[in-house]
C-alpha cells in the first residue's frame, strides 16, 4: 500500500529544535517494512512530504512514534493517478 505522510513542525518548536530535527533526519533509518518512494522538504507551513510503501500500517505507526515529538503528522493511504483513474473507471462502470 502507498502512503503519503505530511509533517509540519510543532508550533512550540524553537529554531534550534528545528535544526536538531534536520540533523536527526540525516541519520534516520526508516522502519523495517517501509520503503520511501519520495521525500520532499518544503518552504512553508508544511516541512516534509514523504511518500512510501508498506504492506501493513505497523511501520507507519513506528515512523509516527519516532517523529511525533517534533512534527504534527498526517498519514493518508494513496494510489497513483494511473491506479486512481483505473479504479474510478471500474467503479463508475459498476454503478451503471
N, C-alpha and C. Protein backbone atom coordinates (compact mmCIF):
# COMPACT_ATOMS: atom_id res chain seq x y z
N UNK A 1 0.85 -1.18 0.00
CA UNK A 1 0.00 0.00 0.00
C UNK A 1 0.88 1.23 0.00
N UNK A 2 0.45 2.23 -0.69
CA UNK A 2 1.16 3.50 -0.78
C UNK A 2 0.58 4.46 0.27
N UNK A 3 1.46 5.20 0.93
CA UNK A 3 1.05 6.18 1.95
C UNK A 3 1.74 7.50 1.69
N UNK A 4 1.02 8.59 1.94
CA UNK A 4 1.59 9.93 1.89
C UNK A 4 1.56 10.49 3.30
N UNK A 5 2.72 10.89 3.79
CA UNK A 5 2.84 11.48 5.13
C UNK A 5 3.17 12.96 4.99
N UNK A 6 2.44 13.78 5.71
CA UNK A 6 2.65 15.23 5.71
C UNK A 6 3.08 15.62 7.11
N UNK A 7 4.27 16.22 7.21
CA UNK A 7 4.85 16.55 8.51
C UNK A 7 5.07 18.06 8.61
N UNK A 8 4.55 18.64 9.68
CA UNK A 8 4.71 20.08 9.95
C UNK A 8 5.29 20.24 11.34
N UNK A 9 6.29 21.10 11.47
CA UNK A 9 6.88 21.34 12.78
C UNK A 9 5.80 21.76 13.78
N UNK A 10 5.90 21.26 14.99
CA UNK A 10 5.00 21.70 16.06
C UNK A 10 5.25 23.19 16.29
N UNK A 11 4.20 23.94 16.53
CA UNK A 11 4.29 25.40 16.70
C UNK A 11 5.19 25.78 17.87
N UNK A 12 5.31 24.91 18.85
CA UNK A 12 6.09 25.22 20.05
C UNK A 12 7.59 25.02 19.86
N UNK A 13 8.03 24.50 18.71
CA UNK A 13 9.45 24.20 18.49
C UNK A 13 10.28 25.46 18.26
N UNK A 14 11.42 25.52 18.91
CA UNK A 14 12.34 26.63 18.69
C UNK A 14 13.13 26.38 17.40
N UNK A 15 13.80 27.41 16.93
CA UNK A 15 14.65 27.28 15.74
C UNK A 15 15.75 26.24 15.98
N UNK A 16 16.31 26.22 17.16
CA UNK A 16 17.36 25.24 17.48
C UNK A 16 16.81 23.82 17.44
N UNK A 17 15.58 23.63 17.92
CA UNK A 17 14.97 22.30 17.89
C UNK A 17 14.66 21.87 16.45
N UNK A 18 14.27 22.81 15.62
CA UNK A 18 14.03 22.52 14.22
C UNK A 18 15.33 22.10 13.53
N UNK A 19 16.41 22.82 13.81
CA UNK A 19 17.71 22.47 13.23
C UNK A 19 18.18 21.10 13.71
N UNK A 20 17.94 20.80 14.98
CA UNK A 20 18.31 19.49 15.52
C UNK A 20 17.53 18.37 14.82
N UNK A 21 16.27 18.64 14.50
CA UNK A 21 15.46 17.64 13.79
C UNK A 21 16.03 17.36 12.40
N UNK A 22 16.52 18.39 11.74
CA UNK A 22 17.14 18.19 10.42
C UNK A 22 18.39 17.32 10.55
N UNK A 23 19.20 17.57 11.58
CA UNK A 23 20.37 16.74 11.82
C UNK A 23 19.98 15.30 12.12
N UNK A 24 18.94 15.14 12.88
CA UNK A 24 18.44 13.81 13.23
C UNK A 24 17.96 13.06 11.97
N UNK A 25 17.31 13.79 11.05
CA UNK A 25 16.83 13.16 9.81
C UNK A 25 18.00 12.65 8.97
N UNK A 26 19.13 13.34 9.03
CA UNK A 26 20.28 12.94 8.22
C UNK A 26 20.76 11.53 8.55
N UNK A 27 20.52 11.06 9.77
CA UNK A 27 20.98 9.73 10.17
C UNK A 27 19.83 8.75 10.38
N UNK A 28 18.60 9.20 10.19
CA UNK A 28 17.42 8.37 10.47
C UNK A 28 17.29 7.24 9.44
N UNK A 29 16.99 6.06 9.92
CA UNK A 29 16.68 4.92 9.06
C UNK A 29 15.19 4.63 9.16
N UNK A 30 14.52 4.55 8.04
CA UNK A 30 13.09 4.24 8.06
C UNK A 30 12.88 2.86 8.66
N UNK A 31 11.72 2.66 9.29
CA UNK A 31 11.45 1.36 9.92
C UNK A 31 11.46 0.21 8.92
N UNK A 32 11.80 -0.98 9.42
CA UNK A 32 11.72 -2.18 8.60
C UNK A 32 10.30 -2.31 8.07
N UNK A 33 10.18 -2.69 6.83
CA UNK A 33 8.87 -2.85 6.22
C UNK A 33 8.34 -1.60 5.54
N UNK A 34 9.12 -0.51 5.58
CA UNK A 34 8.72 0.74 4.95
C UNK A 34 9.76 1.12 3.91
N UNK A 35 9.29 1.37 2.69
CA UNK A 35 10.20 1.79 1.63
C UNK A 35 9.80 3.19 1.18
N UNK A 36 10.71 4.14 1.41
CA UNK A 36 10.45 5.51 0.98
C UNK A 36 10.55 5.57 -0.54
N UNK A 37 9.51 6.11 -1.18
CA UNK A 37 9.48 6.26 -2.62
C UNK A 37 9.97 7.65 -3.01
N UNK A 38 9.57 8.65 -2.23
CA UNK A 38 9.97 10.04 -2.48
C UNK A 38 9.85 10.82 -1.19
N UNK A 39 10.69 11.84 -1.05
CA UNK A 39 10.62 12.72 0.11
C UNK A 39 10.97 14.13 -0.34
N UNK A 40 10.17 15.09 0.10
CA UNK A 40 10.37 16.48 -0.29
C UNK A 40 10.39 17.35 0.95
N UNK A 41 11.35 18.27 1.00
CA UNK A 41 11.41 19.28 2.05
C UNK A 41 10.84 20.56 1.45
N UNK A 42 9.90 21.16 2.14
CA UNK A 42 9.18 22.31 1.60
C UNK A 42 9.50 23.58 2.36
N UNK A 43 9.33 24.71 1.69
CA UNK A 43 9.41 26.01 2.33
C UNK A 43 7.97 26.46 2.54
N UNK A 44 7.53 26.45 3.78
CA UNK A 44 6.14 26.82 4.06
C UNK A 44 5.68 26.19 5.35
N UNK A 45 4.38 26.20 5.59
CA UNK A 45 3.86 25.69 6.85
C UNK A 45 4.02 24.17 7.00
N UNK A 46 4.16 23.46 5.89
CA UNK A 46 4.48 22.03 5.91
C UNK A 46 5.95 21.89 5.57
N UNK A 47 6.69 21.11 6.36
CA UNK A 47 8.12 20.99 6.13
C UNK A 47 8.50 19.77 5.30
N UNK A 48 7.74 18.67 5.43
CA UNK A 48 8.13 17.43 4.75
C UNK A 48 6.90 16.73 4.19
N UNK A 49 7.04 16.25 2.97
CA UNK A 49 6.08 15.30 2.40
C UNK A 49 6.87 14.06 2.06
N UNK A 50 6.40 12.92 2.57
CA UNK A 50 7.07 11.65 2.33
C UNK A 50 6.05 10.69 1.72
N UNK A 51 6.47 10.03 0.66
CA UNK A 51 5.64 9.02 0.02
C UNK A 51 6.36 7.69 0.19
N UNK A 52 5.66 6.69 0.71
CA UNK A 52 6.30 5.41 0.93
C UNK A 52 5.34 4.25 0.79
N UNK A 53 5.91 3.07 0.77
CA UNK A 53 5.13 1.85 0.63
C UNK A 53 5.33 0.96 1.84
N UNK A 54 4.25 0.31 2.25
CA UNK A 54 4.30 -0.66 3.34
C UNK A 54 3.15 -1.64 3.16
N UNK A 55 3.37 -2.88 3.55
CA UNK A 55 2.32 -3.90 3.46
C UNK A 55 1.30 -3.74 4.58
N UNK A 56 1.75 -3.25 5.74
CA UNK A 56 0.86 -3.03 6.88
C UNK A 56 1.08 -1.62 7.40
N UNK A 57 0.24 -1.20 8.32
CA UNK A 57 0.38 0.13 8.90
C UNK A 57 1.45 0.19 9.97
N UNK A 58 1.92 -0.96 10.44
CA UNK A 58 2.87 -1.00 11.55
C UNK A 58 4.11 -0.13 11.33
N UNK A 59 4.81 -0.21 10.18
CA UNK A 59 5.98 0.66 10.01
C UNK A 59 5.63 2.15 9.99
N UNK A 60 4.42 2.48 9.52
CA UNK A 60 3.99 3.88 9.53
C UNK A 60 3.75 4.34 10.96
N UNK A 61 3.19 3.46 11.77
CA UNK A 61 2.96 3.78 13.18
C UNK A 61 4.30 4.02 13.87
N UNK A 62 5.31 3.22 13.55
CA UNK A 62 6.66 3.40 14.11
C UNK A 62 7.23 4.75 13.67
N UNK A 63 7.07 5.09 12.41
CA UNK A 63 7.56 6.38 11.90
C UNK A 63 6.90 7.53 12.66
N UNK A 64 5.60 7.43 12.90
CA UNK A 64 4.88 8.47 13.66
C UNK A 64 5.44 8.57 15.07
N UNK A 65 5.62 7.43 15.73
CA UNK A 65 6.16 7.44 17.09
C UNK A 65 7.56 8.04 17.13
N UNK A 66 8.36 7.76 16.11
CA UNK A 66 9.73 8.27 16.05
C UNK A 66 9.79 9.79 15.92
N UNK A 67 8.79 10.41 15.29
CA UNK A 67 8.87 11.83 14.97
C UNK A 67 7.78 12.70 15.60
N UNK A 68 6.89 12.13 16.37
CA UNK A 68 5.80 12.92 16.93
C UNK A 68 6.24 13.97 17.94
N UNK A 69 7.47 13.88 18.41
CA UNK A 69 7.96 14.90 19.36
C UNK A 69 8.23 16.24 18.69
N UNK A 70 8.51 16.23 17.38
CA UNK A 70 8.83 17.48 16.69
C UNK A 70 7.85 17.85 15.57
N UNK A 71 7.06 16.88 15.10
CA UNK A 71 6.15 17.14 13.99
C UNK A 71 4.71 16.81 14.34
N UNK A 72 3.80 17.57 13.77
CA UNK A 72 2.41 17.16 13.66
C UNK A 72 2.37 16.35 12.36
N UNK A 73 1.82 15.15 12.42
CA UNK A 73 1.93 14.22 11.29
C UNK A 73 0.56 13.74 10.86
N UNK A 74 0.32 13.81 9.57
CA UNK A 74 -0.90 13.24 8.98
C UNK A 74 -0.46 12.21 7.95
N UNK A 75 -1.08 11.03 7.99
CA UNK A 75 -0.75 9.95 7.06
C UNK A 75 -2.01 9.55 6.31
N UNK A 76 -1.88 9.45 4.98
CA UNK A 76 -3.03 9.12 4.14
C UNK A 76 -2.69 7.97 3.21
N UNK A 77 -3.57 6.95 3.13
CA UNK A 77 -3.37 5.93 2.10
C UNK A 77 -3.59 6.58 0.74
N UNK A 78 -2.88 6.11 -0.26
CA UNK A 78 -2.96 6.75 -1.58
C UNK A 78 -2.76 5.72 -2.68
N UNK A 79 -3.11 6.12 -3.88
CA UNK A 79 -2.80 5.35 -5.09
C UNK A 79 -2.20 6.34 -6.09
N UNK A 80 -1.52 5.80 -7.09
CA UNK A 80 -1.00 6.67 -8.14
C UNK A 80 -2.18 7.21 -8.95
N UNK A 81 -1.94 8.26 -9.72
CA UNK A 81 -3.01 8.81 -10.57
C UNK A 81 -3.50 7.75 -11.55
N UNK A 82 -2.59 6.98 -12.10
CA UNK A 82 -2.97 5.93 -13.04
C UNK A 82 -3.89 4.90 -12.38
N UNK A 83 -3.50 4.46 -11.19
CA UNK A 83 -4.34 3.50 -10.45
C UNK A 83 -5.70 4.11 -10.10
N UNK A 84 -5.68 5.36 -9.68
CA UNK A 84 -6.92 6.04 -9.32
C UNK A 84 -7.88 6.16 -10.50
N UNK A 85 -7.35 6.46 -11.69
CA UNK A 85 -8.19 6.54 -12.88
C UNK A 85 -8.78 5.17 -13.23
N UNK A 86 -7.98 4.11 -13.07
CA UNK A 86 -8.48 2.76 -13.35
C UNK A 86 -9.56 2.37 -12.35
N UNK A 87 -9.33 2.63 -11.08
CA UNK A 87 -10.32 2.32 -10.05
C UNK A 87 -11.59 3.12 -10.29
N UNK A 88 -11.45 4.40 -10.59
CA UNK A 88 -12.61 5.25 -10.85
C UNK A 88 -13.43 4.74 -12.03
N UNK A 89 -12.74 4.33 -13.10
CA UNK A 89 -13.46 3.81 -14.27
C UNK A 89 -14.21 2.54 -13.92
N UNK A 90 -13.59 1.66 -13.14
CA UNK A 90 -14.28 0.42 -12.74
C UNK A 90 -15.49 0.73 -11.87
N UNK A 91 -15.31 1.62 -10.90
CA UNK A 91 -16.41 1.95 -10.00
C UNK A 91 -17.54 2.67 -10.72
N UNK A 92 -17.20 3.56 -11.63
CA UNK A 92 -18.24 4.27 -12.38
C UNK A 92 -18.97 3.32 -13.30
N UNK A 93 -18.23 2.37 -13.87
CA UNK A 93 -18.86 1.37 -14.75
C UNK A 93 -19.75 0.42 -13.98
N UNK A 94 -19.38 0.14 -12.74
CA UNK A 94 -20.16 -0.78 -11.91
C UNK A 94 -21.47 -0.14 -11.47
N UNK A 95 -21.52 1.19 -11.44
CA UNK A 95 -22.71 1.88 -10.97
C UNK A 95 -23.76 2.08 -12.05
N UNK A 96 -23.47 1.69 -13.26
CA UNK A 96 -24.43 1.90 -14.36
C UNK A 96 -25.49 0.83 -14.38
